[in-house]
Amino acid sequence: MGYYIRVLGTQDPDIHMDELMEGLVSEELSAKFAFDEGEEPGKWTVIDILNEEGDHLAQLERNPVLPGELGQDELDEFREFIQEDKPLSAVKWLAEYFNKVKVIYAIQMLDASFEEGNYEIVANIKSTIWNKIGGILQADDEGFSNEDGYHILWQFADDVTGDWSCAVLNEKGEWERFVMDLGDKTQRKEFQEGKVPKKASRI
């Protein structure tokens, strides 16, 4: 199993490879796409993403959420997997939100994708897809975002550090946004309790 980031979309239009390429060009990035003979540029299931030098960066897979299909199985696993996570308000919100998800785009990140200049390529493709299908984001060993991209569920390892843009639901059901220090155990505890950490910087 590799490391995955995912876009869980509430819409499922076809995304032509040209659209992915246009997104890259708009930020002066470039990449190559490889796909099986049975696939089409405008209607595909799996794409390999390579940089201009031919280094394999990631594999992008589209999985519609339909009964008996991988997308539905994956969503059901997420629904079960998050039950022990915190904050509880985010678990409840996600469990309800999953009912809206129509497709999952899974990006398997390979080692080369984390090298300088390569990560930007994969991140750009992820953003193009997210802008097209809406929804929320997920990353292995990190957690889920809300629809605005703010982190809402704690799935990090205990040794995680660094600043992170997060959000919690208030009593009115509105997202309160802030930047917290993931390595600060007090801030971590407050976030997991569904509170804005006292030392966090509000956005």
N, C-alpha and C. Protein backbone atom coordinates (compact mmCIF):
# COMPACT_ATOMS: atom_id res chain seq x y z
N MET A 1 0.84 -1.20 0.00
CA MET A 1 0.00 0.00 0.00
C MET A 1 0.87 1.25 0.00
N GLY A 2 0.61 2.17 -0.91
CA GLY A 2 1.34 3.42 -0.96
C GLY A 2 0.62 4.49 -0.17
N TYR A 3 1.14 5.70 -0.26
CA TYR A 3 0.54 6.85 0.40
C TYR A 3 -0.46 7.49 -0.56
N TYR A 4 -1.68 7.75 -0.09
CA TYR A 4 -2.73 8.28 -0.94
C TYR A 4 -3.24 9.62 -0.43
N ILE A 5 -3.58 10.49 -1.38
CA ILE A 5 -4.43 11.64 -1.10
C ILE A 5 -5.65 11.49 -2.00
N ARG A 6 -6.78 11.97 -1.53
CA ARG A 6 -8.03 11.75 -2.27
C ARG A 6 -8.90 12.99 -2.32
N VAL A 7 -9.67 13.09 -3.39
CA VAL A 7 -10.73 14.09 -3.50
C VAL A 7 -12.04 13.32 -3.52
N LEU A 8 -12.91 13.61 -2.57
CA LEU A 8 -14.22 12.96 -2.50
C LEU A 8 -15.24 13.96 -3.04
N GLY A 9 -15.66 13.76 -4.28
CA GLY A 9 -16.45 14.75 -4.98
C GLY A 9 -17.95 14.56 -4.86
N THR A 10 -18.68 15.67 -4.85
CA THR A 10 -20.13 15.63 -4.81
C THR A 10 -20.74 15.73 -6.21
N GLN A 11 -19.89 15.92 -7.21
CA GLN A 11 -20.30 15.90 -8.61
C GLN A 11 -19.37 14.94 -9.35
N ASP A 12 -19.85 14.39 -10.47
CA ASP A 12 -19.02 13.42 -11.19
C ASP A 12 -19.04 13.65 -12.70
N PRO A 13 -18.59 14.84 -13.13
CA PRO A 13 -18.48 15.07 -14.58
C PRO A 13 -17.21 14.40 -15.11
N ASP A 14 -17.17 14.13 -16.40
CA ASP A 14 -15.93 13.65 -17.01
C ASP A 14 -14.89 14.76 -16.95
N ILE A 15 -13.65 14.39 -16.69
CA ILE A 15 -12.55 15.36 -16.68
C ILE A 15 -11.56 14.95 -17.76
N HIS A 16 -11.49 15.75 -18.80
CA HIS A 16 -10.59 15.45 -19.91
C HIS A 16 -9.15 15.71 -19.49
N MET A 17 -8.23 14.92 -20.01
CA MET A 17 -6.82 15.12 -19.69
C MET A 17 -6.34 16.51 -20.11
N ASP A 18 -6.96 17.06 -21.13
CA ASP A 18 -6.60 18.42 -21.56
C ASP A 18 -6.86 19.43 -20.44
N GLU A 19 -7.93 19.20 -19.66
CA GLU A 19 -8.23 20.10 -18.54
C GLU A 19 -7.14 20.02 -17.48
N LEU A 20 -6.65 18.81 -17.22
CA LEU A 20 -5.57 18.65 -16.26
C LEU A 20 -4.31 19.34 -16.77
N MET A 21 -4.06 19.23 -18.07
CA MET A 21 -2.89 19.86 -18.66
C MET A 21 -3.00 21.38 -18.62
N GLU A 22 -4.20 21.90 -18.88
CA GLU A 22 -4.41 23.35 -18.85
C GLU A 22 -4.15 23.91 -17.45
N GLY A 23 -4.55 23.15 -16.43
CA GLY A 23 -4.29 23.58 -15.06
C GLY A 23 -2.80 23.68 -14.77
N LEU A 24 -2.04 22.74 -15.31
CA LEU A 24 -0.59 22.76 -15.13
C LEU A 24 0.03 23.95 -15.85
N VAL A 25 -0.39 24.16 -17.10
CA VAL A 25 0.17 25.25 -17.91
C VAL A 25 -0.09 26.60 -17.25
N SER A 26 -1.25 26.75 -16.61
CA SER A 26 -1.62 28.02 -15.97
C SER A 26 -0.64 28.38 -14.85
N GLU A 27 0.06 27.39 -14.29
CA GLU A 27 1.05 27.65 -13.24
C GLU A 27 2.47 27.35 -13.73
N GLU A 28 2.62 27.34 -15.06
CA GLU A 28 3.92 27.13 -15.69
C GLU A 28 4.55 25.80 -15.25
N LEU A 29 3.69 24.78 -15.12
CA LEU A 29 4.14 23.44 -14.82
C LEU A 29 3.90 22.55 -16.03
N SER A 30 4.55 21.41 -16.07
CA SER A 30 4.33 20.48 -17.18
C SER A 30 4.45 19.05 -16.67
N ALA A 31 3.76 18.15 -17.35
CA ALA A 31 3.78 16.73 -16.97
C ALA A 31 3.39 15.91 -18.18
N LYS A 32 3.55 14.61 -18.05
CA LYS A 32 3.12 13.66 -19.07
C LYS A 32 2.12 12.70 -18.44
N PHE A 33 1.16 12.26 -19.25
CA PHE A 33 0.18 11.28 -18.78
C PHE A 33 0.31 10.00 -19.59
N ALA A 34 0.19 8.88 -18.92
CA ALA A 34 0.22 7.57 -19.58
C ALA A 34 -1.02 6.80 -19.15
N PHE A 35 -1.64 6.09 -20.12
CA PHE A 35 -2.84 5.33 -19.79
C PHE A 35 -2.96 4.14 -20.73
N ASP A 36 -3.75 3.15 -20.32
CA ASP A 36 -3.91 1.93 -21.11
C ASP A 36 -4.64 2.21 -22.41
N GLU A 37 -4.47 1.31 -23.37
CA GLU A 37 -5.09 1.47 -24.70
C GLU A 37 -6.60 1.55 -24.62
N GLY A 38 -7.20 0.86 -23.66
CA GLY A 38 -8.66 0.86 -23.56
C GLY A 38 -9.24 2.13 -23.00
N GLU A 39 -8.40 3.02 -22.50
CA GLU A 39 -8.86 4.28 -21.91
C GLU A 39 -8.92 5.38 -22.97
N GLU A 40 -9.68 6.43 -22.65
CA GLU A 40 -9.79 7.58 -23.55
C GLU A 40 -9.42 8.85 -22.79
N PRO A 41 -8.85 9.86 -23.48
CA PRO A 41 -8.45 11.09 -22.80
C PRO A 41 -9.60 11.79 -22.08
N GLY A 42 -10.82 11.62 -22.61
CA GLY A 42 -11.97 12.28 -21.99
C GLY A 42 -12.77 11.41 -21.06
N LYS A 43 -12.45 10.13 -21.01
CA LYS A 43 -13.19 9.22 -20.13
C LYS A 43 -12.26 8.09 -19.73
N TRP A 44 -11.68 8.20 -18.54
CA TRP A 44 -10.63 7.28 -18.13
C TRP A 44 -10.86 6.82 -16.70
N THR A 45 -10.16 5.77 -16.34
CA THR A 45 -10.24 5.22 -14.98
C THR A 45 -8.93 5.39 -14.24
N VAL A 46 -7.81 5.14 -14.93
CA VAL A 46 -6.49 5.23 -14.30
C VAL A 46 -5.53 5.98 -15.22
N ILE A 47 -4.79 6.93 -14.64
CA ILE A 47 -3.76 7.67 -15.37
C ILE A 47 -2.46 7.62 -14.56
N ASP A 48 -1.34 7.40 -15.24
CA ASP A 48 -0.04 7.54 -14.61
C ASP A 48 0.47 8.95 -14.89
N ILE A 49 0.99 9.60 -13.84
CA ILE A 49 1.49 10.97 -13.95
C ILE A 49 3.01 10.94 -13.90
N LEU A 50 3.64 11.53 -14.91
CA LEU A 50 5.10 11.57 -15.00
C LEU A 50 5.56 13.01 -15.20
N ASN A 51 6.77 13.32 -14.77
CA ASN A 51 7.32 14.63 -15.08
C ASN A 51 7.94 14.60 -16.47
N GLU A 52 8.48 15.72 -16.91
CA GLU A 52 9.03 15.82 -18.27
C GLU A 52 10.23 14.90 -18.48
N GLU A 53 10.91 14.55 -17.39
CA GLU A 53 12.06 13.65 -17.50
C GLU A 53 11.63 12.19 -17.55
N GLY A 54 10.33 11.94 -17.39
CA GLY A 54 9.84 10.58 -17.43
C GLY A 54 9.78 9.87 -16.09
N ASP A 55 10.05 10.62 -14.99
CA ASP A 55 9.96 10.02 -13.65
C ASP A 55 8.50 9.81 -13.28
N HIS A 56 8.19 8.63 -12.79
CA HIS A 56 6.81 8.29 -12.42
C HIS A 56 6.50 8.92 -11.07
N LEU A 57 5.57 9.88 -11.05
CA LEU A 57 5.27 10.63 -9.83
C LEU A 57 4.10 10.03 -9.04
N ALA A 58 3.04 9.64 -9.75
CA ALA A 58 1.83 9.21 -9.06
C ALA A 58 0.92 8.47 -10.02
N GLN A 59 -0.02 7.74 -9.43
CA GLN A 59 -1.08 7.12 -10.22
C GLN A 59 -2.41 7.69 -9.76
N LEU A 60 -3.20 8.14 -10.71
CA LEU A 60 -4.48 8.77 -10.43
C LEU A 60 -5.60 7.83 -10.87
N GLU A 61 -6.50 7.54 -9.93
CA GLU A 61 -7.58 6.59 -10.21
C GLU A 61 -8.93 7.22 -9.89
N ARG A 62 -9.87 7.04 -10.80
CA ARG A 62 -11.23 7.55 -10.61
C ARG A 62 -12.17 6.40 -10.26
N ASN A 63 -12.83 6.51 -9.10
CA ASN A 63 -13.72 5.46 -8.63
C ASN A 63 -15.10 6.02 -8.30
N PRO A 64 -16.08 5.83 -9.20
CA PRO A 64 -17.45 6.29 -8.91
C PRO A 64 -18.00 5.55 -7.68
N VAL A 65 -18.81 6.24 -6.92
CA VAL A 65 -19.44 5.64 -5.74
C VAL A 65 -20.76 5.01 -6.18
N LEU A 66 -20.69 3.72 -6.47
CA LEU A 66 -21.84 2.96 -6.94
C LEU A 66 -21.86 1.62 -6.21
N PRO A 67 -23.03 1.04 -5.97
CA PRO A 67 -23.11 -0.24 -5.28
C PRO A 67 -22.24 -1.30 -5.96
N GLY A 68 -21.44 -1.98 -5.16
CA GLY A 68 -20.58 -3.04 -5.69
C GLY A 68 -19.29 -2.57 -6.30
N GLU A 69 -19.08 -1.24 -6.36
CA GLU A 69 -17.87 -0.69 -6.96
C GLU A 69 -16.87 -0.28 -5.87
N LEU A 70 -15.61 -0.11 -6.28
CA LEU A 70 -14.55 0.21 -5.34
C LEU A 70 -14.82 1.51 -4.60
N GLY A 71 -15.37 2.49 -5.30
CA GLY A 71 -15.66 3.78 -4.66
C GLY A 71 -16.59 3.63 -3.47
N GLN A 72 -17.64 2.83 -3.62
CA GLN A 72 -18.58 2.61 -2.52
C GLN A 72 -17.90 1.85 -1.38
N ASP A 73 -17.10 0.84 -1.71
CA ASP A 73 -16.39 0.09 -0.69
C ASP A 73 -15.45 1.00 0.10
N GLU A 74 -14.76 1.88 -0.61
CA GLU A 74 -13.82 2.79 0.04
C GLU A 74 -14.54 3.75 0.97
N LEU A 75 -15.68 4.26 0.52
CA LEU A 75 -16.47 5.19 1.34
C LEU A 75 -16.99 4.49 2.59
N ASP A 76 -17.44 3.26 2.45
CA ASP A 76 -17.93 2.49 3.60
C ASP A 76 -16.80 2.26 4.61
N GLU A 77 -15.59 2.02 4.11
CA GLU A 77 -14.45 1.83 5.00
C GLU A 77 -14.14 3.11 5.75
N PHE A 78 -14.19 4.24 5.06
CA PHE A 78 -13.97 5.53 5.72
C PHE A 78 -15.01 5.75 6.82
N ARG A 79 -16.25 5.46 6.52
CA ARG A 79 -17.34 5.67 7.47
C ARG A 79 -17.08 4.88 8.76
N GLU A 80 -16.58 3.67 8.61
CA GLU A 80 -16.29 2.83 9.77
C GLU A 80 -14.98 3.27 10.45
N PHE A 81 -14.01 3.63 9.64
CA PHE A 81 -12.66 3.93 10.12
C PHE A 81 -12.63 5.17 11.01
N ILE A 82 -13.48 6.16 10.74
CA ILE A 82 -13.41 7.43 11.48
C ILE A 82 -14.12 7.39 12.82
N GLN A 83 -14.82 6.32 13.14
CA GLN A 83 -15.66 6.30 14.34
C GLN A 83 -14.89 6.53 15.63
N GLU A 84 -13.62 6.15 15.67
CA GLU A 84 -12.82 6.32 16.88
C GLU A 84 -12.02 7.62 16.87
N ASP A 85 -12.17 8.43 15.82
CA ASP A 85 -11.38 9.64 15.69
C ASP A 85 -12.06 10.84 16.35
N LYS A 86 -11.31 11.95 16.41
CA LYS A 86 -11.81 13.16 17.05
C LYS A 86 -11.45 14.37 16.18
N PRO A 87 -12.21 15.46 16.32
CA PRO A 87 -13.33 15.67 17.24
C PRO A 87 -14.61 14.95 16.81
N LEU A 88 -15.44 14.65 17.78
CA LEU A 88 -16.67 13.91 17.52
C LEU A 88 -17.59 14.69 16.59
N SER A 89 -17.59 16.01 16.69
CA SER A 89 -18.45 16.83 15.82
C SER A 89 -18.07 16.64 14.36
N ALA A 90 -16.76 16.48 14.09
CA ALA A 90 -16.31 16.26 12.71
C ALA A 90 -16.68 14.87 12.23
N VAL A 91 -16.61 13.88 13.13
CA VAL A 91 -16.99 12.51 12.77
C VAL A 91 -18.46 12.49 12.33
N LYS A 92 -19.31 13.15 13.09
CA LYS A 92 -20.74 13.19 12.77
C LYS A 92 -20.98 13.93 11.46
N TRP A 93 -20.27 15.04 11.27
CA TRP A 93 -20.43 15.83 10.05
C TRP A 93 -20.01 15.01 8.83
N LEU A 94 -18.87 14.32 8.93
CA LEU A 94 -18.37 13.52 7.82
C LEU A 94 -19.30 12.36 7.50
N ALA A 95 -19.81 11.69 8.54
CA ALA A 95 -20.70 10.55 8.32
C ALA A 95 -21.92 10.96 7.50
N GLU A 96 -22.41 12.15 7.75
CA GLU A 96 -23.55 12.66 6.98
C GLU A 96 -23.12 13.13 5.60
N TYR A 97 -21.95 13.76 5.53
CA TYR A 97 -21.47 14.29 4.26
C TYR A 97 -21.18 13.18 3.27
N PHE A 98 -20.71 12.04 3.75
CA PHE A 98 -20.39 10.92 2.86
C PHE A 98 -21.58 10.53 1.99
N ASN A 99 -22.80 10.79 2.45
CA ASN A 99 -23.99 10.45 1.67
C ASN A 99 -24.08 11.25 0.37
N LYS A 100 -23.35 12.37 0.30
CA LYS A 100 -23.38 13.23 -0.89
C LYS A 100 -22.31 12.87 -1.92
N VAL A 101 -21.33 12.06 -1.49
CA VAL A 101 -20.16 11.79 -2.33
C VAL A 101 -20.53 10.87 -3.50
N LYS A 102 -20.18 11.30 -4.72
CA LYS A 102 -20.51 10.54 -5.92
C LYS A 102 -19.29 9.90 -6.59
N VAL A 103 -18.10 10.38 -6.25
CA VAL A 103 -16.89 9.85 -6.89
C VAL A 103 -15.70 10.09 -5.98
N ILE A 104 -14.71 9.21 -6.05
CA ILE A 104 -13.47 9.39 -5.30
C ILE A 104 -12.30 9.34 -6.29
N TYR A 105 -11.52 10.40 -6.33
CA TYR A 105 -10.28 10.41 -7.10
C TYR A 105 -9.14 10.13 -6.13
N ALA A 106 -8.49 9.00 -6.30
CA ALA A 106 -7.40 8.59 -5.41
C ALA A 106 -6.07 8.78 -6.12
N ILE A 107 -5.17 9.50 -5.48
CA ILE A 107 -3.84 9.75 -6.02
C ILE A 107 -2.83 9.00 -5.17
N GLN A 108 -2.22 7.98 -5.75
CA GLN A 108 -1.16 7.25 -5.05
C GLN A 108 0.17 7.96 -5.28
N MET A 109 0.71 8.54 -4.23
CA MET A 109 1.95 9.30 -4.33
C MET A 109 3.14 8.35 -4.30
N LEU A 110 4.00 8.45 -5.30
CA LEU A 110 5.22 7.66 -5.33
C LEU A 110 6.39 8.50 -4.82
N ASP A 111 7.51 7.86 -4.54
CA ASP A 111 8.64 8.55 -3.91
C ASP A 111 9.05 9.82 -4.65
N ALA A 112 9.09 9.75 -5.97
CA ALA A 112 9.55 10.90 -6.76
C ALA A 112 8.62 12.11 -6.63
N SER A 113 7.38 11.88 -6.24
CA SER A 113 6.42 13.00 -6.16
C SER A 113 6.77 13.97 -5.04
N PHE A 114 7.57 13.53 -4.07
CA PHE A 114 7.91 14.39 -2.94
C PHE A 114 9.20 15.18 -3.19
N GLU A 115 9.82 14.99 -4.34
CA GLU A 115 11.03 15.73 -4.67
C GLU A 115 10.67 17.13 -5.16
N GLU A 116 11.61 18.04 -5.01
CA GLU A 116 11.38 19.44 -5.36
C GLU A 116 10.92 19.59 -6.81
N GLY A 117 9.84 20.33 -6.99
CA GLY A 117 9.30 20.57 -8.32
C GLY A 117 8.27 19.55 -8.75
N ASN A 118 8.33 18.35 -8.17
CA ASN A 118 7.38 17.31 -8.56
C ASN A 118 6.08 17.37 -7.75
N TYR A 119 6.20 17.71 -6.47
CA TYR A 119 4.99 17.75 -5.64
C TYR A 119 4.01 18.79 -6.18
N GLU A 120 4.55 19.90 -6.67
CA GLU A 120 3.68 20.96 -7.21
C GLU A 120 2.83 20.45 -8.37
N ILE A 121 3.38 19.54 -9.15
CA ILE A 121 2.66 18.97 -10.28
C ILE A 121 1.44 18.18 -9.80
N VAL A 122 1.67 17.31 -8.82
CA VAL A 122 0.58 16.49 -8.30
C VAL A 122 -0.45 17.35 -7.58
N ALA A 123 0.02 18.33 -6.80
CA ALA A 123 -0.89 19.21 -6.07
C ALA A 123 -1.77 20.01 -7.03
N ASN A 124 -1.19 20.44 -8.15
CA ASN A 124 -1.95 21.20 -9.14
C ASN A 124 -3.05 20.33 -9.75
N ILE A 125 -2.73 19.10 -10.08
CA ILE A 125 -3.72 18.18 -10.66
C ILE A 125 -4.84 17.91 -9.66
N LYS A 126 -4.46 17.73 -8.40
CA LYS A 126 -5.47 17.53 -7.35
C LYS A 126 -6.40 18.74 -7.28
N SER A 127 -5.85 19.94 -7.34
CA SER A 127 -6.66 21.15 -7.25
C SER A 127 -7.60 21.30 -8.44
N THR A 128 -7.11 20.96 -9.64
CA THR A 128 -7.96 21.03 -10.83
C THR A 128 -9.16 20.10 -10.68
N ILE A 129 -8.92 18.91 -10.19
CA ILE A 129 -10.00 17.95 -9.98
C ILE A 129 -10.97 18.45 -8.93
N TRP A 130 -10.44 18.95 -7.81
CA TRP A 130 -11.28 19.43 -6.71
C TRP A 130 -12.16 20.59 -7.16
N ASN A 131 -11.58 21.52 -7.94
CA ASN A 131 -12.36 22.65 -8.45
C ASN A 131 -13.50 22.19 -9.36
N LYS A 132 -13.31 21.08 -10.03
CA LYS A 132 -14.30 20.57 -10.99
C LYS A 132 -15.41 19.78 -10.30
N ILE A 133 -15.06 18.98 -9.28
CA ILE A 133 -16.06 18.06 -8.71
C ILE A 133 -16.52 18.46 -7.31
N GLY A 134 -15.90 19.50 -6.72
CA GLY A 134 -16.29 19.91 -5.38
C GLY A 134 -15.93 18.86 -4.35
N GLY A 135 -16.52 18.99 -3.16
CA GLY A 135 -16.33 17.98 -2.14
C GLY A 135 -15.25 18.29 -1.13
N ILE A 136 -14.65 17.25 -0.59
CA ILE A 136 -13.69 17.37 0.50
C ILE A 136 -12.41 16.61 0.15
N LEU A 137 -11.38 16.81 0.98
CA LEU A 137 -10.08 16.18 0.74
C LEU A 137 -9.75 15.21 1.87
N GLN A 138 -8.94 14.20 1.55
CA GLN A 138 -8.47 13.24 2.55
C GLN A 138 -7.03 12.91 2.23
N ALA A 139 -6.23 12.72 3.28
CA ALA A 139 -4.83 12.29 3.12
C ALA A 139 -4.52 11.23 4.15
N ASP A 140 -3.87 10.17 3.73
CA ASP A 140 -3.50 9.10 4.66
C ASP A 140 -2.65 9.65 5.80
N ASP A 141 -2.91 9.18 7.01
CA ASP A 141 -2.16 9.56 8.21
C ASP A 141 -2.26 11.04 8.54
N GLU A 142 -3.27 11.69 7.99
CA GLU A 142 -3.53 13.09 8.33
C GLU A 142 -4.99 13.27 8.72
N GLY A 143 -5.90 12.97 7.78
CA GLY A 143 -7.32 13.10 8.08
C GLY A 143 -8.08 13.73 6.93
N PHE A 144 -9.22 14.35 7.25
CA PHE A 144 -10.12 14.92 6.26
C PHE A 144 -10.21 16.43 6.40
N SER A 145 -10.59 17.06 5.30
CA SER A 145 -10.86 18.51 5.31
C SER A 145 -12.36 18.73 5.19
N ASN A 146 -12.77 19.99 5.37
CA ASN A 146 -14.14 20.38 5.01
C ASN A 146 -14.14 20.84 3.55
N GLU A 147 -15.24 21.41 3.10
CA GLU A 147 -15.35 21.80 1.69
C GLU A 147 -14.43 22.96 1.32
N ASP A 148 -13.93 23.68 2.32
CA ASP A 148 -13.03 24.80 2.07
C ASP A 148 -11.57 24.41 2.18
N GLY A 149 -11.31 23.12 2.46
CA GLY A 149 -9.93 22.65 2.53
C GLY A 149 -9.29 22.75 3.89
N TYR A 150 -10.07 23.14 4.92
CA TYR A 150 -9.51 23.22 6.27
C TYR A 150 -9.61 21.86 6.95
N HIS A 151 -8.56 21.51 7.67
CA HIS A 151 -8.45 20.19 8.29
C HIS A 151 -9.44 20.07 9.45
N ILE A 152 -10.23 18.99 9.50
CA ILE A 152 -11.27 18.89 10.52
C ILE A 152 -11.20 17.61 11.37
N LEU A 153 -10.37 16.63 10.98
CA LEU A 153 -10.34 15.36 11.71
C LEU A 153 -8.90 14.95 11.99
N TRP A 154 -8.61 14.58 13.24
CA TRP A 154 -7.24 14.24 13.63
C TRP A 154 -6.95 12.78 13.35
N GLN A 155 -6.03 12.52 12.43
CA GLN A 155 -5.53 11.17 12.18
C GLN A 155 -4.00 11.17 12.09
N PHE A 156 -3.38 12.20 12.64
CA PHE A 156 -1.94 12.34 12.58
C PHE A 156 -1.24 11.38 13.55
N ALA A 157 0.03 11.11 13.27
CA ALA A 157 0.87 10.37 14.21
C ALA A 157 1.21 11.27 15.40
N ASP A 158 1.58 10.67 16.52
CA ASP A 158 1.85 11.44 17.74
C ASP A 158 3.03 12.38 17.60
N ASP A 159 3.97 12.07 16.71
CA ASP A 159 5.17 12.90 16.60
C ASP A 159 5.05 14.01 15.55
N VAL A 160 3.84 14.28 15.09
CA VAL A 160 3.65 15.31 14.07
C VAL A 160 3.95 16.69 14.64
N THR A 161 4.49 17.58 13.79
CA THR A 161 4.79 18.96 14.18
C THR A 161 4.43 19.90 13.04
N GLY A 162 4.47 21.19 13.31
CA GLY A 162 4.25 22.18 12.27
C GLY A 162 2.90 22.88 12.39
N ASP A 163 2.79 24.00 11.70
CA ASP A 163 1.53 24.76 11.66
C ASP A 163 0.58 24.13 10.66
N TRP A 164 -0.73 24.18 10.96
CA TRP A 164 -1.72 23.55 10.09
C TRP A 164 -3.01 24.36 10.13
N SER A 165 -3.62 24.54 8.97
CA SER A 165 -4.90 25.26 8.89
C SER A 165 -6.05 24.30 9.17
N CYS A 166 -6.80 24.58 10.22
CA CYS A 166 -7.85 23.67 10.69
C CYS A 166 -9.16 24.40 10.90
N ALA A 167 -10.20 23.63 11.22
CA ALA A 167 -11.51 24.22 11.53
C ALA A 167 -12.28 23.26 12.43
N VAL A 168 -13.11 23.84 13.28
CA VAL A 168 -14.03 23.06 14.12
C VAL A 168 -15.42 23.67 13.99
N LEU A 169 -16.43 22.85 14.22
CA LEU A 169 -17.81 23.33 14.18
C LEU A 169 -18.18 23.97 15.51
N ASN A 170 -18.83 25.14 15.43
CA ASN A 170 -19.33 25.75 16.66
C ASN A 170 -20.77 25.30 16.93
N GLU A 171 -21.38 25.84 17.96
CA GLU A 171 -22.72 25.42 18.36
C GLU A 171 -23.78 25.74 17.31
N LYS A 172 -23.47 26.69 16.44
CA LYS A 172 -24.40 27.06 15.37
C LYS A 172 -24.21 26.21 14.12
N GLY A 173 -23.25 25.28 14.16
CA GLY A 173 -22.97 24.46 13.00
C GLY A 173 -22.13 25.17 11.96
N GLU A 174 -21.42 26.22 12.38
CA GLU A 174 -20.55 26.98 11.48
C GLU A 174 -19.09 26.61 11.73
N TRP A 175 -18.29 26.66 10.67
CA TRP A 175 -16.87 26.34 10.80
C TRP A 175 -16.10 27.54 11.34
N GLU A 176 -15.33 27.32 12.39
CA GLU A 176 -14.42 28.34 12.91
C GLU A 176 -13.01 27.94 12.49
N ARG A 177 -12.34 28.81 11.77
CA ARG A 177 -11.06 28.48 11.14
C ARG A 177 -9.88 29.07 11.92
N PHE A 178 -8.77 28.37 11.90
CA PHE A 178 -7.59 28.81 12.65
C PHE A 178 -6.36 28.05 12.18
N VAL A 179 -5.19 28.56 12.57
CA VAL A 179 -3.93 27.87 12.34
C VAL A 179 -3.41 27.42 13.70
N MET A 180 -3.16 26.12 13.85
CA MET A 180 -2.68 25.58 15.12
C MET A 180 -1.30 24.95 14.95
N ASP A 181 -0.61 24.78 16.08
CA ASP A 181 0.67 24.09 16.11
C ASP A 181 0.40 22.63 16.42
N LEU A 182 0.59 21.76 15.43
CA LEU A 182 0.26 20.35 15.60
C LEU A 182 1.09 19.68 16.70
N GLY A 183 2.28 20.22 16.96
CA GLY A 183 3.15 19.63 17.96
C GLY A 183 2.83 20.05 19.39
N ASP A 184 1.98 21.06 19.56
CA ASP A 184 1.59 21.54 20.88
C ASP A 184 0.50 20.63 21.43
N LYS A 185 0.82 19.87 22.48
CA LYS A 185 -0.11 18.88 22.99
C LYS A 185 -1.39 19.49 23.55
N THR A 186 -1.28 20.69 24.09
CA THR A 186 -2.48 21.37 24.60
C THR A 186 -3.40 21.76 23.46
N GLN A 187 -2.83 22.36 22.41
CA GLN A 187 -3.63 22.73 21.24
C GLN A 187 -4.23 21.48 20.60
N ARG A 188 -3.46 20.43 20.55
CA ARG A 188 -3.92 19.16 19.98
C ARG A 188 -5.14 18.64 20.75
N LYS A 189 -5.07 18.67 22.08
CA LYS A 189 -6.16 18.20 22.94
C LYS A 189 -7.42 19.05 22.74
N GLU A 190 -7.23 20.36 22.68
CA GLU A 190 -8.38 21.27 22.50
C GLU A 190 -9.05 21.05 21.15
N PHE A 191 -8.23 20.86 20.12
CA PHE A 191 -8.81 20.58 18.79
C PHE A 191 -9.61 19.29 18.81
N GLN A 192 -9.04 18.25 19.42
CA GLN A 192 -9.73 16.96 19.46
C GLN A 192 -11.02 17.03 20.28
N GLU A 193 -11.11 18.01 21.17
CA GLU A 193 -12.34 18.22 21.94
C GLU A 193 -13.34 19.08 21.16
N GLY A 194 -12.97 19.48 19.95
CA GLY A 194 -13.87 20.28 19.13
C GLY A 194 -13.84 21.75 19.45
N LYS A 195 -12.73 22.23 20.04
CA LYS A 195 -12.60 23.63 20.43
C LYS A 195 -11.51 24.30 19.60
N VAL A 196 -11.62 25.62 19.47
CA VAL A 196 -10.53 26.38 18.87
C VAL A 196 -9.44 26.50 19.93
N PRO A 197 -8.24 25.97 19.68
CA PRO A 197 -7.18 26.06 20.68
C PRO A 197 -6.91 27.52 21.08
N LYS A 198 -6.71 27.74 22.39
CA LYS A 198 -6.54 29.09 22.90
C LYS A 198 -5.34 29.80 22.28
N LYS A 199 -4.27 29.05 21.99
CA LYS A 199 -3.07 29.66 21.43
C LYS A 199 -3.04 29.66 19.91
N ALA A 200 -4.10 29.16 19.30
CA ALA A 200 -4.16 29.14 17.83
C ALA A 200 -4.43 30.54 17.29
N SER A 201 -4.05 30.74 16.04
CA SER A 201 -4.31 32.02 15.37
C SER A 201 -5.56 31.88 14.51
N ARG A 202 -6.58 32.65 14.85
CA ARG A 202 -7.83 32.56 14.07
C ARG A 202 -7.64 33.15 12.67
N ILE A 203 -8.37 32.58 11.74
CA ILE A 203 -8.31 33.05 10.34
C ILE A 203 -9.60 33.79 10.03
